[in-house]
Each structure stands twice: as C-alpha cells, then as structure tokens.
Amino acid sequence: MRPLAGIPAQRELLGTYGAVKAFTVLRESIEVETAKQAGRTPFDEMIAFFKKNRNCRTLLVEKTDRLYRNLKDYVTIRLPRTLGEGSIGS
C-alpha cells in the first residue's frame, strides 16, 4: 500500500493528532492557492472565523511555512515562541 501524499496525508496526520489530544474540530480549511501573495480566500475566511469565535484558540497546521509565506499573513498570525500556541492579530 502506498503512503498518502499531499493534502490527504496532511488531513490524516492532523486528524490523528487532534484525536489523540481530544480536540473538537470546529472548522477545517484547505488551502490550495499559492501563499506567496496575501489575499487568499480560505486564509481570510479562517482569520475571520478566529476573530468571530474568540473561544477557539487552537490552529493545527502541518508546517507553519505553508500557513504564511508573505509578510502580511505572518503579521496577521503572530506565533509566539511556544510551538502550537498562537494569537490572531487584529
């Protein structure tokens, strides 16, 4: 059996991690657009979700370099030095 690749592998990995940590998934966002420029619709929708749902403070991503690849996105999501904990900028 071939191992999963790409988005299916990432979903499986994060789903397993979330289940082990007993996280409740409120929303899943899949990004297929390039992150080199700001203004990606799924990214903007994710930011709006976090701003609206202030009690939701956990974001799971396989690699942070896939989350932000431009300065605007990096500034929007300010990741502190503790891995896995972040805040959404206003």
Protein backbone atom coordinates (compact mmCIF):
# COMPACT_ATOMS: atom_id res chain seq x y z
CA MET A 1 0.00 0.00 0.00
CA ARG A 2 1.38 3.43 -0.97
CA PRO A 3 1.52 6.09 1.77
CA LEU A 4 -0.78 9.08 1.38
CA ALA A 5 0.68 12.22 -0.11
CA GLY A 6 -0.25 15.89 -0.19
CA ILE A 7 -3.46 17.15 1.32
CA PRO A 8 -4.88 13.68 2.18
CA ALA A 9 -1.72 12.88 4.17
CA GLN A 10 -1.85 16.22 5.96
CA ARG A 11 -5.52 15.72 6.86
CA GLU A 12 -4.80 12.23 8.20
CA LEU A 13 -1.81 13.42 10.22
CA LEU A 14 -3.65 16.37 11.76
CA GLY A 15 -6.82 14.34 12.32
CA THR A 16 -4.87 11.71 14.24
CA TYR A 17 -3.05 14.36 16.28
CA GLY A 18 -6.31 16.15 17.09
CA ALA A 19 -7.97 12.90 18.15
CA VAL A 20 -5.06 11.97 20.43
CA LYS A 21 -5.23 15.44 22.04
CA ALA A 22 -9.06 15.19 22.27
CA PHE A 23 -9.58 18.35 20.19
CA THR A 24 -13.01 19.10 18.79
CA VAL A 25 -12.67 20.26 15.20
CA LEU A 26 -14.91 23.26 14.64
CA ARG A 27 -13.78 24.02 11.13
CA GLU A 28 -11.41 22.67 8.53
CA SER A 29 -9.79 24.89 5.95
CA ILE A 30 -7.93 23.55 2.95
CA GLU A 31 -5.67 25.93 1.10
CA VAL A 32 -4.63 25.13 -2.45
CA GLU A 33 -3.80 28.67 -3.60
CA THR A 34 -0.24 29.92 -3.50
CA ALA A 35 0.72 31.68 -0.28
CA LYS A 36 3.30 33.91 -1.91
CA GLN A 37 0.84 36.81 -2.09
CA ALA A 38 -1.64 37.99 0.51
CA GLY A 39 -5.37 37.80 -0.15
CA ARG A 40 -6.09 34.08 -0.24
CA THR A 41 -9.82 33.45 0.30
CA PRO A 42 -9.55 30.36 2.57
CA PHE A 43 -6.89 32.12 4.69
CA ASP A 44 -9.05 35.24 5.05
CA GLU A 45 -12.08 33.10 5.97
CA MET A 46 -10.01 31.29 8.60
CA ILE A 47 -8.89 34.60 10.14
CA ALA A 48 -12.50 35.84 10.18
CA PHE A 49 -13.58 32.60 11.91
CA PHE A 50 -11.00 33.06 14.68
CA LYS A 51 -11.95 36.71 15.16
CA LYS A 52 -15.63 35.77 15.45
CA ASN A 53 -15.03 32.73 17.69
CA ARG A 54 -12.75 34.13 20.39
CA ASN A 55 -13.00 30.94 22.47
CA CYS A 56 -11.38 28.94 19.69
CA ARG A 57 -7.64 29.45 20.14
CA THR A 58 -6.05 26.40 18.54
CA LEU A 59 -4.96 26.13 14.93
CA LEU A 60 -3.41 22.92 13.66
CA VAL A 61 -1.16 23.05 10.61
CA GLU A 62 1.33 20.50 9.35
CA LYS A 63 4.00 23.10 8.59
CA THR A 64 3.92 26.77 9.52
CA ASP A 65 5.76 27.66 6.33
CA ARG A 66 2.63 26.50 4.46
CA LEU A 67 0.48 28.80 6.59
CA TYR A 68 2.22 32.08 5.86
CA ARG A 69 4.62 32.85 3.07
CA ASN A 70 4.24 36.60 2.88
CA LEU A 71 4.72 39.39 5.41
CA LYS A 72 1.05 40.34 5.71
CA ASP A 73 0.00 36.79 6.63
CA TYR A 74 2.93 36.44 9.03
CA VAL A 75 1.94 39.64 10.82
CA THR A 76 -1.72 38.58 10.91
CA ILE A 77 -0.84 35.35 12.71
CA ARG A 78 1.64 36.18 15.41
CA LEU A 79 3.09 32.89 16.57
CA PRO A 80 4.83 33.09 19.93
CA ARG A 81 7.90 31.01 20.63
CA THR A 82 5.87 28.20 22.17
CA LEU A 83 5.12 25.74 19.38
CA GLY A 84 1.45 25.28 18.76
CA GLU A 85 0.17 28.37 20.56
CA GLY A 86 -0.71 31.48 18.62
CA SER A 87 -2.90 34.53 18.54
CA ILE A 88 -4.78 36.12 15.72
CA GLY A 89 -3.83 39.74 15.13
CA SER A 90 -6.48 42.37 14.65
